[in-house]
Amino acid sequence: ILGLLQFVTTFTITTLYVRFANRKLDPVAED
């Protein structure tokens, strides 16, 4: 179970980062 949670955590962090980057980072980077 903990091993599967490691796997899920990796994808969750990636999803959160992509969402964060799309909202907060990408517009400023484009400017």
Full PDB file with SEQRES, HELIX, SHEET, SSBOND, CRYST1, ORIGX, SCALE, CONECT and MASTER records, all heavy atoms in Angstrom:
SEQRES   1 A   31  ILE LEU GLY LEU LEU GLN PHE VAL THR THR PHE THR ILE          
SEQRES   2 A   31  THR THR LEU TYR VAL ARG PHE ALA ASN ARG LYS LEU ASP          
SEQRES   3 A   31  PRO VAL ALA GLU ASP                                          
HELIX    1 AA1 LEU A    2  PHE A   20  1                                  19    
HELIX    2 AA2 ALA A   21  LEU A   25  3                                   5    
HELIX    3 AA3 ASP A   26  GLU A   30  1                                   5    
CRYST1    1.000    1.000    1.000  90.00  90.00  90.00 P 1           1          
ORIGX1      1.000000  0.000000  0.000000        0.00000                         
ORIGX2      0.000000  1.000000  0.000000        0.00000                         
ORIGX3      0.000000  0.000000  1.000000        0.00000                         
SCALE1      1.000000  0.000000  0.000000        0.00000                         
SCALE2      0.000000  1.000000  0.000000        0.00000                         
SCALE3      0.000000  0.000000  1.000000        0.00000                         
ATOM      1  N   ILE A   1       0.836  -1.208   0.000  1.00  0.00           N  
ATOM      2  CA  ILE A   1       0.000   0.000   0.000  1.00  0.00           C  
ATOM      3  C   ILE A   1       0.865   1.251   0.000  1.00  0.00           C  
ATOM      4  O   ILE A   1       0.618   2.184  -0.766  1.00  0.00           O  
ATOM      5  CB  ILE A   1      -0.971  -0.016   1.203  1.00  0.00           C  
ATOM      6  CG1 ILE A   1      -2.011  -1.118   0.996  1.00  0.00           C  
ATOM      7  CG2 ILE A   1      -1.641   1.340   1.374  1.00  0.00           C  
ATOM      8  CD1 ILE A   1      -2.912  -1.354   2.176  1.00  0.00           C  
ATOM      9  N   LEU A   2       1.906   1.283   0.834  1.00  0.00           N  
ATOM     10  CA  LEU A   2       2.789   2.449   0.857  1.00  0.00           C  
ATOM     11  C   LEU A   2       3.531   2.617  -0.469  1.00  0.00           C  
ATOM     12  O   LEU A   2       3.748   3.739  -0.928  1.00  0.00           O  
ATOM     13  CB  LEU A   2       3.773   2.355   2.026  1.00  0.00           C  
ATOM     14  CG  LEU A   2       3.166   2.492   3.421  1.00  0.00           C  
ATOM     15  CD1 LEU A   2       4.252   2.355   4.483  1.00  0.00           C  
ATOM     16  CD2 LEU A   2       2.417   3.790   3.582  1.00  0.00           C  
ATOM     17  N   GLY A   3       3.904   1.517  -1.095  1.00  0.00           N  
ATOM     18  CA  GLY A   3       4.554   1.590  -2.405  1.00  0.00           C  
ATOM     19  C   GLY A   3       3.624   2.174  -3.460  1.00  0.00           C  
ATOM     20  O   GLY A   3       4.034   3.007  -4.272  1.00  0.00           O  
ATOM     21  N   LEU A   4       2.376   1.759  -3.445  1.00  0.00           N  
ATOM     22  CA  LEU A   4       1.402   2.315  -4.381  1.00  0.00           C  
ATOM     23  C   LEU A   4       1.156   3.798  -4.089  1.00  0.00           C  
ATOM     24  O   LEU A   4       0.997   4.600  -5.015  1.00  0.00           O  
ATOM     25  CB  LEU A   4       0.087   1.537  -4.321  1.00  0.00           C  
ATOM     26  CG  LEU A   4       0.142   0.127  -4.911  1.00  0.00           C  
ATOM     27  CD1 LEU A   4      -1.150  -0.622  -4.633  1.00  0.00           C  
ATOM     28  CD2 LEU A   4       0.432   0.177  -6.398  1.00  0.00           C  
ATOM     29  N   LEU A   5       1.161   4.159  -2.813  1.00  0.00           N  
ATOM     30  CA  LEU A   5       0.999   5.572  -2.462  1.00  0.00           C  
ATOM     31  C   LEU A   5       2.186   6.408  -2.954  1.00  0.00           C  
ATOM     32  O   LEU A   5       2.017   7.573  -3.311  1.00  0.00           O  
ATOM     33  CB  LEU A   5       0.805   5.740  -0.957  1.00  0.00           C  
ATOM     34  CG  LEU A   5      -0.568   5.317  -0.431  1.00  0.00           C  
ATOM     35  CD1 LEU A   5      -0.596   5.387   1.093  1.00  0.00           C  
ATOM     36  CD2 LEU A   5      -1.668   6.162  -1.035  1.00  0.00           C  
ATOM     37  N   GLN A   6       3.386   5.826  -2.972  1.00  0.00           N  
ATOM     38  CA  GLN A   6       4.546   6.521  -3.545  1.00  0.00           C  
ATOM     39  C   GLN A   6       4.282   6.840  -5.017  1.00  0.00           C  
ATOM     40  O   GLN A   6       4.529   7.952  -5.476  1.00  0.00           O  
ATOM     41  CB  GLN A   6       5.800   5.645  -3.438  1.00  0.00           C  
ATOM     42  CG  GLN A   6       6.407   5.585  -2.085  1.00  0.00           C  
ATOM     43  CD  GLN A   6       7.168   6.842  -1.762  1.00  0.00           C  
ATOM     44  OE1 GLN A   6       7.891   7.377  -2.594  1.00  0.00           O  
ATOM     45  NE2 GLN A   6       7.001   7.329  -0.560  1.00  0.00           N  
ATOM     46  N   PHE A   7       3.786   5.851  -5.719  1.00  0.00           N  
ATOM     47  CA  PHE A   7       3.488   5.997  -7.138  1.00  0.00           C  
ATOM     48  C   PHE A   7       2.418   7.070  -7.344  1.00  0.00           C  
ATOM     49  O   PHE A   7       2.565   7.965  -8.182  1.00  0.00           O  
ATOM     50  CB  PHE A   7       3.019   4.634  -7.654  1.00  0.00           C  
ATOM     51  CG  PHE A   7       2.818   4.562  -9.134  1.00  0.00           C  
ATOM     52  CD1 PHE A   7       3.893   4.579  -9.995  1.00  0.00           C  
ATOM     53  CD2 PHE A   7       1.544   4.455  -9.662  1.00  0.00           C  
ATOM     54  CE1 PHE A   7       3.711   4.493 -11.364  1.00  0.00           C  
ATOM     55  CE2 PHE A   7       1.348   4.372 -11.025  1.00  0.00           C  
ATOM     56  CZ  PHE A   7       2.433   4.395 -11.878  1.00  0.00           C  
ATOM     57  N   VAL A   8       1.356   7.008  -6.572  1.00  0.00           N  
ATOM     58  CA  VAL A   8       0.263   7.973  -6.684  1.00  0.00           C  
ATOM     59  C   VAL A   8       0.753   9.380  -6.325  1.00  0.00           C  
ATOM     60  O   VAL A   8       0.366  10.360  -6.965  1.00  0.00           O  
ATOM     61  CB  VAL A   8      -0.924   7.546  -5.791  1.00  0.00           C  
ATOM     62  CG1 VAL A   8      -1.958   8.651  -5.662  1.00  0.00           C  
ATOM     63  CG2 VAL A   8      -1.561   6.281  -6.332  1.00  0.00           C  
ATOM     64  N   THR A   9       1.600   9.479  -5.311  1.00  0.00           N  
ATOM     65  CA  THR A   9       2.128  10.781  -4.897  1.00  0.00           C  
ATOM     66  C   THR A   9       2.897  11.448  -6.031  1.00  0.00           C  
ATOM     67  O   THR A   9       2.775  12.659  -6.249  1.00  0.00           O  
ATOM     68  CB  THR A   9       3.042  10.628  -3.660  1.00  0.00           C  
ATOM     69  OG1 THR A   9       2.300  10.032  -2.604  1.00  0.00           O  
ATOM     70  CG2 THR A   9       3.568  11.960  -3.199  1.00  0.00           C  
ATOM     71  N   THR A  10       3.675  10.685  -6.768  1.00  0.00           N  
ATOM     72  CA  THR A  10       4.441  11.230  -7.893  1.00  0.00           C  
ATOM     73  C   THR A  10       3.513  11.872  -8.918  1.00  0.00           C  
ATOM     74  O   THR A  10       3.745  13.010  -9.355  1.00  0.00           O  
ATOM     75  CB  THR A  10       5.262  10.116  -8.567  1.00  0.00           C  
ATOM     76  OG1 THR A  10       6.109   9.530  -7.597  1.00  0.00           O  
ATOM     77  CG2 THR A  10       6.088  10.654  -9.713  1.00  0.00           C  
ATOM     78  N   PHE A  11       2.464  11.180  -9.280  1.00  0.00           N  
ATOM     79  CA  PHE A  11       1.534  11.714 -10.274  1.00  0.00           C  
ATOM     80  C   PHE A  11       0.720  12.876  -9.715  1.00  0.00           C  
ATOM     81  O   PHE A  11       0.405  13.820 -10.439  1.00  0.00           O  
ATOM     82  CB  PHE A  11       0.621  10.612 -10.805  1.00  0.00           C  
ATOM     83  CG  PHE A  11       1.335   9.707 -11.749  1.00  0.00           C  
ATOM     84  CD1 PHE A  11       1.776   8.466 -11.337  1.00  0.00           C  
ATOM     85  CD2 PHE A  11       1.602  10.099 -13.054  1.00  0.00           C  
ATOM     86  CE1 PHE A  11       2.461   7.633 -12.199  1.00  0.00           C  
ATOM     87  CE2 PHE A  11       2.287   9.274 -13.921  1.00  0.00           C  
ATOM     88  CZ  PHE A  11       2.712   8.035 -13.497  1.00  0.00           C  
ATOM     89  N   THR A  12       0.395  12.833  -8.436  1.00  0.00           N  
ATOM     90  CA  THR A  12      -0.350  13.932  -7.821  1.00  0.00           C  
ATOM     91  C   THR A  12       0.483  15.212  -7.812  1.00  0.00           C  
ATOM     92  O   THR A  12      -0.014  16.284  -8.163  1.00  0.00           O  
ATOM     93  CB  THR A  12      -0.773  13.560  -6.383  1.00  0.00           C  
ATOM     94  OG1 THR A  12      -1.561  12.372  -6.424  1.00  0.00           O  
ATOM     95  CG2 THR A  12      -1.553  14.674  -5.732  1.00  0.00           C  
ATOM     96  N   ILE A  13       1.742  15.094  -7.421  1.00  0.00           N  
ATOM     97  CA  ILE A  13       2.621  16.265  -7.408  1.00  0.00           C  
ATOM     98  C   ILE A  13       2.789  16.818  -8.822  1.00  0.00           C  
ATOM     99  O   ILE A  13       2.759  18.032  -9.035  1.00  0.00           O  
ATOM    100  CB  ILE A  13       3.986  15.935  -6.778  1.00  0.00           C  
ATOM    101  CG1 ILE A  13       3.814  15.696  -5.273  1.00  0.00           C  
ATOM    102  CG2 ILE A  13       5.003  17.042  -7.036  1.00  0.00           C  
ATOM    103  CD1 ILE A  13       5.063  15.170  -4.582  1.00  0.00           C  
ATOM    104  N   THR A  14       2.945  15.946  -9.800  1.00  0.00           N  
ATOM    105  CA  THR A  14       3.076  16.388 -11.188  1.00  0.00           C  
ATOM    106  C   THR A  14       1.824  17.121 -11.646  1.00  0.00           C  
ATOM    107  O   THR A  14       1.907  18.190 -12.265  1.00  0.00           O  
ATOM    108  CB  THR A  14       3.347  15.189 -12.115  1.00  0.00           C  
ATOM    109  OG1 THR A  14       4.535  14.534 -11.676  1.00  0.00           O  
ATOM    110  CG2 THR A  14       3.489  15.621 -13.562  1.00  0.00           C  
ATOM    111  N   THR A  15       0.664  16.575 -11.326  1.00  0.00           N  
ATOM    112  CA  THR A  15      -0.596  17.212 -11.704  1.00  0.00           C  
ATOM    113  C   THR A  15      -0.739  18.574 -11.040  1.00  0.00           C  
ATOM    114  O   THR A  15      -1.134  19.555 -11.688  1.00  0.00           O  
ATOM    115  CB  THR A  15      -1.778  16.312 -11.310  1.00  0.00           C  
ATOM    116  OG1 THR A  15      -1.647  15.052 -11.968  1.00  0.00           O  
ATOM    117  CG2 THR A  15      -3.107  16.938 -11.685  1.00  0.00           C  
ATOM    118  N   LEU A  16      -0.409  18.650  -9.764  1.00  0.00           N  
ATOM    119  CA  LEU A  16      -0.488  19.926  -9.054  1.00  0.00           C  
ATOM    120  C   LEU A  16       0.469  20.953  -9.653  1.00  0.00           C  
ATOM    121  O   LEU A  16       0.124  22.126  -9.790  1.00  0.00           O  
ATOM    122  CB  LEU A  16      -0.184  19.726  -7.564  1.00  0.00           C  
ATOM    123  CG  LEU A  16      -1.228  18.969  -6.764  1.00  0.00           C  
ATOM    124  CD1 LEU A  16      -0.718  18.694  -5.352  1.00  0.00           C  
ATOM    125  CD2 LEU A  16      -2.539  19.735  -6.721  1.00  0.00           C  
ATOM    126  N   TYR A  17       1.679  20.507 -10.013  1.00  0.00           N  
ATOM    127  CA  TYR A  17       2.646  21.431 -10.598  1.00  0.00           C  
ATOM    128  C   TYR A  17       2.177  21.948 -11.958  1.00  0.00           C  
ATOM    129  O   TYR A  17       2.290  23.139 -12.252  1.00  0.00           O  
ATOM    130  CB  TYR A  17       4.036  20.806 -10.739  1.00  0.00           C  
ATOM    131  CG  TYR A  17       5.011  21.791 -11.324  1.00  0.00           C  
ATOM    132  CD1 TYR A  17       5.515  22.822 -10.550  1.00  0.00           C  
ATOM    133  CD2 TYR A  17       5.374  21.733 -12.660  1.00  0.00           C  
ATOM    134  CE1 TYR A  17       6.373  23.773 -11.089  1.00  0.00           C  
ATOM    135  CE2 TYR A  17       6.228  22.669 -13.205  1.00  0.00           C  
ATOM    136  CZ  TYR A  17       6.728  23.682 -12.410  1.00  0.00           C  
ATOM    137  OH  TYR A  17       7.559  24.625 -12.957  1.00  0.00           O  
ATOM    138  N   VAL A  18       1.648  21.077 -12.783  1.00  0.00           N  
ATOM    139  CA  VAL A  18       1.179  21.495 -14.106  1.00  0.00           C  
ATOM    140  C   VAL A  18       0.050  22.507 -13.953  1.00  0.00           C  
ATOM    141  O   VAL A  18       0.026  23.542 -14.634  1.00  0.00           O  
ATOM    142  CB  VAL A  18       0.722  20.275 -14.940  1.00  0.00           C  
ATOM    143  CG1 VAL A  18      -0.056  20.692 -16.166  1.00  0.00           C  
ATOM    144  CG2 VAL A  18       1.916  19.425 -15.323  1.00  0.00           C  
ATOM    145  N   ARG A  19      -0.866  22.233 -13.038  1.00  0.00           N  
ATOM    146  CA  ARG A  19      -1.963  23.168 -12.790  1.00  0.00           C  
ATOM    147  C   ARG A  19      -1.434  24.518 -12.285  1.00  0.00           C  
ATOM    148  O   ARG A  19      -1.861  25.572 -12.727  1.00  0.00           O  
ATOM    149  CB  ARG A  19      -2.927  22.546 -11.769  1.00  0.00           C  
ATOM    150  CG  ARG A  19      -4.307  23.136 -11.843  1.00  0.00           C  
ATOM    151  CD  ARG A  19      -5.252  22.475 -10.885  1.00  0.00           C  
ATOM    152  NE  ARG A  19      -5.457  21.069 -11.220  1.00  0.00           N  
ATOM    153  CZ  ARG A  19      -5.994  20.189 -10.411  1.00  0.00           C  
ATOM    154  NH1 ARG A  19      -6.365  20.536  -9.198  1.00  0.00           N  
ATOM    155  NH2 ARG A  19      -6.163  18.936 -10.785  1.00  0.00           N  
ATOM    156  N   PHE A  20      -0.485  24.457 -11.348  1.00  0.00           N  
ATOM    157  CA  PHE A  20       0.131  25.669 -10.799  1.00  0.00           C  
ATOM    158  C   PHE A  20       0.861  26.449 -11.896  1.00  0.00           C  
ATOM    159  O   PHE A  20       0.726  27.669 -12.003  1.00  0.00           O  
ATOM    160  CB  PHE A  20       1.099  25.283  -9.672  1.00  0.00           C  
ATOM    161  CG  PHE A  20       1.914  26.415  -9.137  1.00  0.00           C  
ATOM    162  CD1 PHE A  20       1.362  27.328  -8.260  1.00  0.00           C  
ATOM    163  CD2 PHE A  20       3.246  26.562  -9.502  1.00  0.00           C  
ATOM    164  CE1 PHE A  20       2.117  28.375  -7.758  1.00  0.00           C  
ATOM    165  CE2 PHE A  20       4.003  27.603  -9.004  1.00  0.00           C  
ATOM    166  CZ  PHE A  20       3.440  28.513  -8.125  1.00  0.00           C  
ATOM    167  N   ALA A  21       1.639  25.744 -12.699  1.00  0.00           N  
ATOM    168  CA  ALA A  21       2.402  26.400 -13.764  1.00  0.00           C  
ATOM    169  C   ALA A  21       1.471  27.042 -14.788  1.00  0.00           C  
ATOM    170  O   ALA A  21       1.717  28.169 -15.232  1.00  0.00           O  
ATOM    171  CB  ALA A  21       3.335  25.400 -14.441  1.00  0.00           C  
ATOM    172  N   ASN A  22       0.420  26.339 -15.166  1.00  0.00           N  
ATOM    173  CA  ASN A  22      -0.514  26.898 -16.146  1.00  0.00           C  
ATOM    174  C   ASN A  22      -1.180  28.168 -15.629  1.00  0.00           C  
ATOM    175  O   ASN A  22      -1.411  29.102 -16.392  1.00  0.00           O  
ATOM    176  CB  ASN A  22      -1.590  25.881 -16.512  1.00  0.00           C  
ATOM    177  CG  ASN A  22      -1.067  24.792 -17.409  1.00  0.00           C  
ATOM    178  OD1 ASN A  22      -0.050  24.950 -18.079  1.00  0.00           O  
ATOM    179  ND2 ASN A  22      -1.744  23.659 -17.422  1.00  0.00           N  
ATOM    180  N   ARG A  23      -1.487  28.197 -14.345  1.00  0.00           N  
ATOM    181  CA  ARG A  23      -2.174  29.344 -13.758  1.00  0.00           C  
ATOM    182  C   ARG A  23      -1.243  30.496 -13.410  1.00  0.00           C  
ATOM    183  O   ARG A  23      -1.536  31.649 -13.704  1.00  0.00           O  
ATOM    184  CB  ARG A  23      -2.887  28.893 -12.468  1.00  0.00           C  
ATOM    185  CG  ARG A  23      -4.363  28.848 -12.540  1.00  0.00           C  
ATOM    186  CD  ARG A  23      -5.037  28.618 -11.196  1.00  0.00           C  
ATOM    187  NE  ARG A  23      -4.164  28.614 -10.038  1.00  0.00           N  
ATOM    188  CZ  ARG A  23      -3.842  27.533  -9.323  1.00  0.00           C  
ATOM    189  NH1 ARG A  23      -4.326  26.364  -9.652  1.00  0.00           N  
ATOM    190  NH2 ARG A  23      -3.055  27.620  -8.280  1.00  0.00           N  
ATOM    191  N   LYS A  24      -0.101  30.185 -12.774  1.00  0.00           N  
ATOM    192  CA  LYS A  24       0.734  31.231 -12.183  1.00  0.00           C  
ATOM    193  C   LYS A  24       2.032  31.512 -12.941  1.00  0.00           C  
ATOM    194  O   LYS A  24       2.511  32.636 -12.912  1.00  0.00           O  
ATOM    195  CB  LYS A  24       1.107  30.849 -10.741  1.00  0.00           C  
ATOM    196  CG  LYS A  24      -0.059  30.596  -9.835  1.00  0.00           C  
ATOM    197  CD  LYS A  24      -0.607  31.868  -9.320  1.00  0.00           C  
ATOM    198  CE  LYS A  24      -1.723  31.579  -8.322  1.00  0.00           C  
ATOM    199  NZ  LYS A  24      -2.155  32.759  -7.646  1.00  0.00           N  
ATOM    200  N   LEU A  25       2.633  30.500 -13.535  1.00  0.00           N  
ATOM    201  CA  LEU A  25       3.961  30.677 -14.123  1.00  0.00           C  
ATOM    202  C   LEU A  25       3.936  30.987 -15.618  1.00  0.00           C  
ATOM    203  O   LEU A  25       4.661  31.861 -16.082  1.00  0.00           O  
ATOM    204  CB  LEU A  25       4.817  29.431 -13.877  1.00  0.00           C  
ATOM    205  CG  LEU A  25       5.084  29.063 -12.422  1.00  0.00           C  
ATOM    206  CD1 LEU A  25       5.900  27.790 -12.343  1.00  0.00           C  
ATOM    207  CD2 LEU A  25       5.753  30.193 -11.679  1.00  0.00           C  
ATOM    208  N   ASP A  26       3.143  30.266 -16.360  1.00  0.00           N  
ATOM    209  CA  ASP A  26       3.178  30.394 -17.816  1.00  0.00           C  
ATOM    210  C   ASP A  26       2.821  31.791 -18.331  1.00  0.00           C  
ATOM    211  O   ASP A  26       3.501  32.297 -19.233  1.00  0.00           O  
ATOM    212  CB  ASP A  26       2.299  29.339 -18.479  1.00  0.00           C  
ATOM    213  CG  ASP A  26       2.870  27.942 -18.346  1.00  0.00           C  
ATOM    214  OD1 ASP A  26       4.038  27.819 -17.904  1.00  0.00           O  
ATOM    215  OD2 ASP A  26       2.158  26.974 -18.671  1.00  0.00           O  
ATOM    216  N   PRO A  27       1.782  32.437 -17.792  1.00  0.00           N  
ATOM    217  CA  PRO A  27       1.488  33.783 -18.309  1.00  0.00           C  
ATOM    218  C   PRO A  27       2.654  34.761 -18.117  1.00  0.00           C  
ATOM    219  O   PRO A  27       2.976  35.540 -19.025  1.00  0.00           O  
ATOM    220  CB  PRO A  27       0.269  34.221 -17.488  1.00  0.00           C  
ATOM    221  CG  PRO A  27      -0.375  32.958 -17.043  1.00  0.00           C  
ATOM    222  CD  PRO A  27       0.760  31.994 -16.836  1.00  0.00           C  
ATOM    223  N   VAL A  28       3.298  34.718 -16.963  1.00  0.00           N  
ATOM    224  CA  VAL A  28       4.426  35.616 -16.700  1.00  0.00           C  
ATOM    225  C   VAL A  28       5.607  35.234 -17.585  1.00  0.00           C  
ATOM    226  O   VAL A  28       6.296  36.102 -18.131  1.00  0.00           O  
ATOM    227  CB  VAL A  28       4.823  35.577 -15.203  1.00  0.00           C  
ATOM    228  CG1 VAL A  28       6.037  36.443 -14.946  1.00  0.00           C  
ATOM    229  CG2 VAL A  28       3.659  36.017 -14.335  1.00  0.00           C  
ATOM    230  N   ALA A  29       5.842  33.933 -17.758  1.00  0.00           N  
ATOM    231  CA  ALA A  29       6.945  33.477 -18.603  1.00  0.00           C  
ATOM    232  C   ALA A  29       6.741  33.927 -20.048  1.00  0.00           C  
ATOM    233  O   ALA A  29       7.702  34.329 -20.722  1.00  0.00           O  
ATOM    234  CB  ALA A  29       7.075  31.964 -18.534  1.00  0.00           C  
ATOM    235  N   GLU A  30       5.502  33.886 -20.525  1.00  0.00           N  
ATOM    236  CA  GLU A  30       5.225  34.342 -21.884  1.00  0.00           C  
ATOM    237  C   GLU A  30       5.491  35.844 -22.022  1.00  0.00           C  
ATOM    238  O   GLU A  30       6.034  36.288 -23.036  1.00  0.00           O  
ATOM    239  CB  GLU A  30       3.791  34.008 -22.270  1.00  0.00           C  
ATOM    240  CG  GLU A  30       3.568  32.536 -22.510  1.00  0.00           C  
ATOM    241  CD  GLU A  30       2.116  32.198 -22.801  1.00  0.00           C  
ATOM    242  OE1 GLU A  30       1.348  33.103 -23.183  1.00  0.00           O  
ATOM    243  OE2 GLU A  30       1.755  31.022 -22.638  1.00  0.00           O  
ATOM    244  N   ASP A  31       5.110  36.611 -21.005  1.00  0.00           N  
ATOM    245  CA  ASP A  31       5.402  38.048 -21.031  1.00  0.00           C  
ATOM    246  C   ASP A  31       6.901  38.310 -21.054  1.00  0.00           C  
ATOM    247  O   ASP A  31       7.387  39.149 -21.821  1.00  0.00           O  
ATOM    248  CB  ASP A  31       4.783  38.749 -19.813  1.00  0.00           C  
ATOM    249  CG  ASP A  31       3.266  38.811 -19.875  1.00  0.00           C  
ATOM    250  OD1 ASP A  31       2.702  38.580 -20.971  1.00  0.00           O  
ATOM    251  OD2 ASP A  31       2.647  39.087 -18.826  1.00  0.00           O  
TER     252      ASP A  31                                                      
MASTER        0    0    0    3    0    0    0    6  251    1    0    3          
END                                                                             
